[in-house]
Amino acid sequence: MRKHFLVGCSLLVLTAMGSIPAQAQNPSPAPSPAAPSSAPAAQQVNPDELKKFTNALKKILVIANDAETQMGQVIQKEGLTPARFNEIYQSKKNPSAKPASQITPKEEQSYQQVVSQLTKIQENAQTKRDQAIVAEGLKVDRFEQILTIAQKSPELRQEIRKMIQTN
């Protein structure tokens, strides 16, 4: 059960992290000067921290893309398609979510192998992520605080997008 949770979390994290570069490539218009108080949240992050955060984020995106590629390879190597793996995963996570076709013993075995390998990939990616953050001079907790602030502040997200695009 714990492995299923870890795999689900890893897929969720990679999906969430994957949305950041898409936003960076498609910047939204800057908020109007009259926008409600997202400015105080943005002021909670000083320019030095923002630079470190952005540099760490770039490294994390590379790590996430690499992990995602590895995960796809593991799924295919075990003879499953990503769609079938997700179907089996959903049925394990939610018993009322029936797969399109019955899970064969071979698929079950492949699925278990994939889950084991994906957990290792995710743990490795998490370690690399934390190392990238620390290498940029931030503590992991502070990185996560800045990420939370950025999620709530369109102004800060825009600034991060600009920094990613120009560096």
C-alpha atoms as a PDB file:
ATOM      1  CA  MET A   1       0.000   0.000   0.000  1.00  0.00           C
ATOM      2  CA  ARG A   2       2.822   2.395   0.880  1.00  0.00           C
ATOM      3  CA  LYS A   3       4.439   1.740  -2.503  1.00  0.00           C
ATOM      4  CA  HIS A   4       1.224   2.650  -4.297  1.00  0.00           C
ATOM      5  CA  PHE A   5       1.093   5.875  -2.317  1.00  0.00           C
ATOM      6  CA  LEU A   6       4.714   6.711  -3.161  1.00  0.00           C
ATOM      7  CA  VAL A   7       4.173   6.034  -6.854  1.00  0.00           C
ATOM      8  CA  GLY A   8       1.063   8.183  -6.832  1.00  0.00           C
ATOM      9  CA  CYS A   9       2.941  10.958  -5.090  1.00  0.00           C
ATOM     10  CA  SER A  10       5.845  10.693  -7.499  1.00  0.00           C
ATOM     11  CA  LEU A  11       3.555  10.935 -10.495  1.00  0.00           C
ATOM     12  CA  LEU A  12       1.749  13.861  -8.909  1.00  0.00           C
ATOM     13  CA  VAL A  13       4.992  15.680  -8.085  1.00  0.00           C
ATOM     14  CA  LEU A  14       6.334  15.189 -11.566  1.00  0.00           C
ATOM     15  CA  THR A  15       3.088  16.380 -13.081  1.00  0.00           C
ATOM     16  CA  ALA A  16       3.038  19.431 -10.840  1.00  0.00           C
ATOM     17  CA  MET A  17       6.676  20.178 -11.501  1.00  0.00           C
ATOM     18  CA  GLY A  18       6.110  19.652 -15.198  1.00  0.00           C
ATOM     19  CA  SER A  19       3.527  22.431 -15.202  1.00  0.00           C
ATOM     20  CA  ILE A  20       6.126  24.986 -14.191  1.00  0.00           C
ATOM     21  CA  PRO A  21       8.095  24.937 -17.471  1.00  0.00           C
ATOM     22  CA  ALA A  22       4.872  25.057 -19.454  1.00  0.00           C
ATOM     23  CA  GLN A  23       3.947  28.204 -17.584  1.00  0.00           C
ATOM     24  CA  ALA A  24       7.412  29.607 -18.133  1.00  0.00           C
ATOM     25  CA  GLN A  25       7.143  29.060 -21.874  1.00  0.00           C
ATOM     26  CA  ASN A  26       3.671  30.628 -22.048  1.00  0.00           C
ATOM     27  CA  PRO A  27       3.863  33.652 -19.806  1.00  0.00           C
ATOM     28  CA  SER A  28       0.578  35.209 -18.851  1.00  0.00           C
ATOM     29  CA  PRO A  29       0.126  38.946 -18.911  1.00  0.00           C
ATOM     30  CA  ALA A  30       1.452  40.797 -15.899  1.00  0.00           C
ATOM     31  CA  PRO A  31      -1.144  41.650 -13.293  1.00  0.00           C
ATOM     32  CA  SER A  32      -2.463  45.190 -13.360  1.00  0.00           C
ATOM     33  CA  PRO A  33      -1.066  47.632 -10.814  1.00  0.00           C
ATOM     34  CA  ALA A  34      -4.448  47.592  -9.105  1.00  0.00           C
ATOM     35  CA  ALA A  35      -4.302  43.838  -8.531  1.00  0.00           C
ATOM     36  CA  PRO A  36      -5.155  42.883  -4.954  1.00  0.00           C
ATOM     37  CA  SER A  37      -2.475  42.279  -2.411  1.00  0.00           C
ATOM     38  CA  SER A  38      -0.225  39.688  -4.018  1.00  0.00           C
ATOM     39  CA  ALA A  39       2.594  42.222  -3.581  1.00  0.00           C
ATOM     40  CA  PRO A  40       3.091  41.545   0.158  1.00  0.00           C
ATOM     41  CA  ALA A  41       3.647  37.845  -0.576  1.00  0.00           C
ATOM     42  CA  ALA A  42       6.182  38.698  -3.264  1.00  0.00           C
ATOM     43  CA  GLN A  43       8.003  40.972  -0.820  1.00  0.00           C
ATOM     44  CA  GLN A  44       8.556  38.004   1.495  1.00  0.00           C
ATOM     45  CA  VAL A  45      11.206  36.767  -0.932  1.00  0.00           C
ATOM     46  CA  ASN A  46      14.316  38.884  -1.315  1.00  0.00           C
ATOM     47  CA  PRO A  47      16.088  39.162  -4.697  1.00  0.00           C
ATOM     48  CA  ASP A  48      18.988  36.942  -3.623  1.00  0.00           C
ATOM     49  CA  GLU A  49      16.614  34.189  -2.500  1.00  0.00           C
ATOM     50  CA  LEU A  50      14.629  34.532  -5.705  1.00  0.00           C
ATOM     51  CA  LYS A  51      17.775  34.065  -7.803  1.00  0.00           C
ATOM     52  CA  LYS A  52      18.766  30.993  -5.776  1.00  0.00           C
ATOM     53  CA  PHE A  53      15.212  29.657  -6.001  1.00  0.00           C
ATOM     54  CA  THR A  54      15.093  30.104  -9.769  1.00  0.00           C
ATOM     55  CA  ASN A  55      18.498  28.471 -10.260  1.00  0.00           C
ATOM     56  CA  ALA A  56      17.443  25.523  -8.090  1.00  0.00           C
ATOM     57  CA  LEU A  57      14.131  25.299  -9.935  1.00  0.00           C
ATOM     58  CA  LYS A  58      15.913  25.015 -13.281  1.00  0.00           C
ATOM     59  CA  LYS A  59      18.006  22.138 -11.926  1.00  0.00           C
ATOM     60  CA  ILE A  60      14.923  20.483 -10.433  1.00  0.00           C
ATOM     61  CA  LEU A  61      13.115  20.646 -13.756  1.00  0.00           C
ATOM     62  CA  VAL A  62      16.002  18.792 -15.402  1.00  0.00           C
ATOM     63  CA  ILE A  63      15.918  16.213 -12.593  1.00  0.00           C
ATOM     64  CA  ALA A  64      12.147  15.823 -12.965  1.00  0.00           C
ATOM     65  CA  ASN A  65      12.358  15.414 -16.733  1.00  0.00           C
ATOM     66  CA  ASP A  66      15.086  12.805 -16.329  1.00  0.00           C
ATOM     67  CA  ALA A  67      13.038  10.926 -13.715  1.00  0.00           C
ATOM     68  CA  GLU A  68       9.954  11.074 -15.926  1.00  0.00           C
ATOM     69  CA  THR A  69      11.932   9.637 -18.843  1.00  0.00           C
ATOM     70  CA  GLN A  70      13.297   6.865 -16.626  1.00  0.00           C
ATOM     71  CA  MET A  71       9.798   6.069 -15.362  1.00  0.00           C
ATOM     72  CA  GLY A  72       8.454   5.781 -18.883  1.00  0.00           C
ATOM     73  CA  GLN A  73      11.311   3.475 -19.827  1.00  0.00           C
ATOM     74  CA  VAL A  74      10.718   1.267 -16.791  1.00  0.00           C
ATOM     75  CA  ILE A  75       7.015   0.942 -17.601  1.00  0.00           C
ATOM     76  CA  GLN A  76       7.722   0.004 -21.206  1.00  0.00           C
ATOM     77  CA  LYS A  77      10.593  -2.331 -20.266  1.00  0.00           C
ATOM     78  CA  GLU A  78       8.190  -4.293 -18.085  1.00  0.00           C
ATOM     79  CA  GLY A  79       5.817  -4.713 -21.030  1.00  0.00           C
ATOM     80  CA  LEU A  80       3.152  -2.202 -20.022  1.00  0.00           C
ATOM     81  CA  THR A  81       2.024   0.922 -21.782  1.00  0.00           C
ATOM     82  CA  PRO A  82       1.784   4.099 -19.706  1.00  0.00           C
ATOM     83  CA  ALA A  83      -1.994   4.040 -20.229  1.00  0.00           C
ATOM     84  CA  ARG A  84      -2.308   0.443 -19.019  1.00  0.00           C
ATOM     85  CA  PHE A  85      -0.025   1.116 -16.043  1.00  0.00           C
ATOM     86  CA  ASN A  86      -2.183   4.106 -15.060  1.00  0.00           C
ATOM     87  CA  GLU A  87      -5.326   2.029 -15.508  1.00  0.00           C
ATOM     88  CA  ILE A  88      -3.977  -0.679 -13.180  1.00  0.00           C
ATOM     89  CA  TYR A  89      -2.710   1.948 -10.765  1.00  0.00           C
ATOM     90  CA  GLN A  90      -6.124   3.629 -10.611  1.00  0.00           C
ATOM     91  CA  SER A  91      -7.841   0.286 -10.030  1.00  0.00           C
ATOM     92  CA  LYS A  92      -5.452  -0.470  -7.145  1.00  0.00           C
ATOM     93  CA  LYS A  93      -5.935   2.979  -5.677  1.00  0.00           C
ATOM     94  CA  ASN A  94      -9.713   2.928  -6.064  1.00  0.00           C
ATOM     95  CA  PRO A  95     -11.281  -0.547  -6.225  1.00  0.00           C
ATOM     96  CA  SER A  96     -14.446   0.880  -7.805  1.00  0.00           C
ATOM     97  CA  ALA A  97     -12.350   2.083 -10.772  1.00  0.00           C
ATOM     98  CA  LYS A  98     -12.466  -1.029 -12.918  1.00  0.00           C
ATOM     99  CA  PRO A  99      -9.791  -1.466 -15.591  1.00  0.00           C
ATOM    100  CA  ALA A 100     -10.981  -1.759 -19.213  1.00  0.00           C
ATOM    101  CA  SER A 101      -9.856  -5.385 -19.225  1.00  0.00           C
ATOM    102  CA  GLN A 102      -9.050  -7.811 -16.452  1.00  0.00           C
ATOM    103  CA  ILE A 103      -5.518  -7.611 -15.081  1.00  0.00           C
ATOM    104  CA  THR A 104      -3.592 -10.708 -16.087  1.00  0.00           C
ATOM    105  CA  PRO A 105      -1.133 -12.385 -13.698  1.00  0.00           C
ATOM    106  CA  LYS A 106       1.713 -11.260 -15.986  1.00  0.00           C
ATOM    107  CA  GLU A 107       0.466  -7.665 -15.893  1.00  0.00           C
ATOM    108  CA  GLU A 108       0.167  -7.844 -12.112  1.00  0.00           C
ATOM    109  CA  GLN A 109       3.752  -9.073 -11.852  1.00  0.00           C
ATOM    110  CA  SER A 110       4.957  -6.377 -14.262  1.00  0.00           C
ATOM    111  CA  TYR A 111       2.997  -3.761 -12.362  1.00  0.00           C
ATOM    112  CA  GLN A 112       4.607  -4.785  -9.052  1.00  0.00           C
ATOM    113  CA  GLN A 113       8.068  -4.620 -10.655  1.00  0.00           C
ATOM    114  CA  VAL A 114       7.321  -1.177 -12.059  1.00  0.00           C
ATOM    115  CA  VAL A 115       6.059   0.129  -8.713  1.00  0.00           C
ATOM    116  CA  SER A 116       9.235  -1.054  -7.011  1.00  0.00           C
ATOM    117  CA  GLN A 117      11.462   0.582  -9.618  1.00  0.00           C
ATOM    118  CA  LEU A 118       9.430   3.814  -9.743  1.00  0.00           C
ATOM    119  CA  THR A 119       9.736   4.159  -5.990  1.00  0.00           C
ATOM    120  CA  LYS A 120      13.532   3.955  -6.290  1.00  0.00           C
ATOM    121  CA  ILE A 121      13.572   6.480  -9.144  1.00  0.00           C
ATOM    122  CA  GLN A 122      11.417   8.878  -7.122  1.00  0.00           C
ATOM    123  CA  GLU A 123      13.580   8.524  -4.034  1.00  0.00           C
ATOM    124  CA  ASN A 124      16.676   9.190  -6.128  1.00  0.00           C
ATOM    125  CA  ALA A 125      15.025  12.218  -7.781  1.00  0.00           C
ATOM    126  CA  GLN A 126      14.006  13.562  -4.359  1.00  0.00           C
ATOM    127  CA  THR A 127      17.583  13.250  -3.097  1.00  0.00           C
ATOM    128  CA  LYS A 128      18.911  15.022  -6.197  1.00  0.00           C
ATOM    129  CA  ARG A 129      16.228  17.714  -5.824  1.00  0.00           C
ATOM    130  CA  ASP A 130      17.222  18.398  -2.238  1.00  0.00           C
ATOM    131  CA  GLN A 131      20.917  18.454  -3.180  1.00  0.00           C
ATOM    132  CA  ALA A 132      20.217  20.938  -5.999  1.00  0.00           C
ATOM    133  CA  ILE A 133      18.375  23.229  -3.594  1.00  0.00           C
ATOM    134  CA  VAL A 134      21.158  23.120  -1.014  1.00  0.00           C
ATOM    135  CA  ALA A 135      23.823  23.591  -3.710  1.00  0.00           C
ATOM    136  CA  GLU A 136      22.134  26.876  -4.634  1.00  0.00           C
ATOM    137  CA  GLY A 137      22.397  28.079  -1.045  1.00  0.00           C
ATOM    138  CA  LEU A 138      18.812  27.529   0.111  1.00  0.00           C
ATOM    139  CA  LYS A 139      17.389  25.248   2.739  1.00  0.00           C
ATOM    140  CA  VAL A 140      14.774  22.806   1.445  1.00  0.00           C
ATOM    141  CA  ASP A 141      12.154  24.257   3.804  1.00  0.00           C
ATOM    142  CA  ARG A 142      12.789  27.773   2.492  1.00  0.00           C
ATOM    143  CA  PHE A 143      12.582  26.572  -1.112  1.00  0.00           C
ATOM    144  CA  GLU A 144       9.196  25.040  -0.356  1.00  0.00           C
ATOM    145  CA  GLN A 145       8.056  28.241   1.375  1.00  0.00           C
ATOM    146  CA  ILE A 146       9.011  30.278  -1.684  1.00  0.00           C
ATOM    147  CA  LEU A 147       7.211  27.762  -3.906  1.00  0.00           C
ATOM    148  CA  THR A 148       4.068  28.179  -1.784  1.00  0.00           C
ATOM    149  CA  ILE A 149       4.355  31.953  -1.948  1.00  0.00           C
ATOM    150  CA  ALA A 150       4.788  31.777  -5.734  1.00  0.00           C
ATOM    151  CA  GLN A 151       1.685  29.624  -6.064  1.00  0.00           C
ATOM    152  CA  LYS A 152      -0.317  32.363  -4.338  1.00  0.00           C
ATOM    153  CA  SER A 153       1.338  35.359  -5.992  1.00  0.00           C
ATOM    154  CA  PRO A 154       0.833  35.987  -9.728  1.00  0.00           C
ATOM    155  CA  GLU A 155       3.395  38.781  -9.484  1.00  0.00           C
ATOM    156  CA  LEU A 156       6.072  36.450  -8.098  1.00  0.00           C
ATOM    157  CA  ARG A 157       5.245  33.730 -10.652  1.00  0.00           C
ATOM    158  CA  GLN A 158       5.684  36.283 -13.414  1.00  0.00           C
ATOM    159  CA  GLU A 159       9.056  37.324 -12.012  1.00  0.00           C
ATOM    160  CA  ILE A 160      10.154  33.673 -11.821  1.00  0.00           C
ATOM    161  CA  ARG A 161       9.062  33.127 -15.440  1.00  0.00           C
ATOM    162  CA  LYS A 162      11.087  36.134 -16.543  1.00  0.00           C
ATOM    163  CA  MET A 163      14.152  34.903 -14.679  1.00  0.00           C
ATOM    164  CA  ILE A 164      13.840  31.414 -16.166  1.00  0.00           C
ATOM    165  CA  GLN A 165      13.490  32.789 -19.688  1.00  0.00           C
ATOM    166  CA  THR A 166      16.417  35.211 -19.453  1.00  0.00           C
ATOM    167  CA  ASN A 167      18.943  32.837 -17.912  1.00  0.00           C
END
